[in-house]
Amino acid sequence: MTHFLFDGPETAATAILLAHGAGAPMDSASMAATAKALATAGFRVARFEFHYMAARRYGHRKPPPRAETVNPEYIKAIGDLRAKGVTGPLVIGGKSMGGRVASMIADEMFSKGEIAGLLCLGYPFHPPAKPTQLRTKHLADLKTPTLIFQGTRDEFGTKEEVATYALSDKIEVIWLEDGDHDLKPRKAISGFSVADHLKTLAERVKAWTTASSS
């Protein structure tokens, strides 16, 4: 059974399942703050870890595997979450690699009625300093309603770069001013704090899920 960290009300109308990025666990400061912001907006938020990351807690320093190899783990997490009694609309996603993995299984799960949407936080459109190694092919024909939140100075995909990609019209990219890959802005430069951006994120996700369910 997948181990989850939960935030938000059990009676929430919509649940959100989030996976972590390649290098930080599900209880990292960034993941915890995001989960809290979404929970404050009324969502039931569940976080989980892929096996390689969970193994690090026991001293097994495994490197991140190829993203597609953990697709089955994400699918299992959806089933395990349902088995824990989480019903109703479910949005899947995650931070960086976690969102990318979710995006690779999204259409299969969406076509089966298992999920209602996809939420990517800092999508890794390409590795840093390698703008030609795109991870976007499957995003061109994506059929799942999708929100991608991206910082304008994210080294995994800048606003100028993403504007040139062929992305499905089901994808909406929301840019957070001066945000880095963790969506963190430099307040002295941008005037925004991390809390500001997370509040914007949560409010946009709330409006998006409300509109899609009406």
Foldseek 3Di string as FASTA:
>chain_A
DFDKDKAADLPFQEEEEAEEAQPDHCPPPLNVLLRHLLRVLHYIYIYTYQPQVVVVVVVRNDGRDDLQVCLVVVVVVLVVVVVVVRDHAYEYAYAASRRLSCQVCVQVCVVVVSHQAGEYELHQQDPAPCLVRGPCPSQLPRPGQYEYEHECAESSAHPVSVVPDRGHPSYDYHYQYQQYSSGAHDCVPPVDGPNRVSNVVSVVVSVVVVVSVD
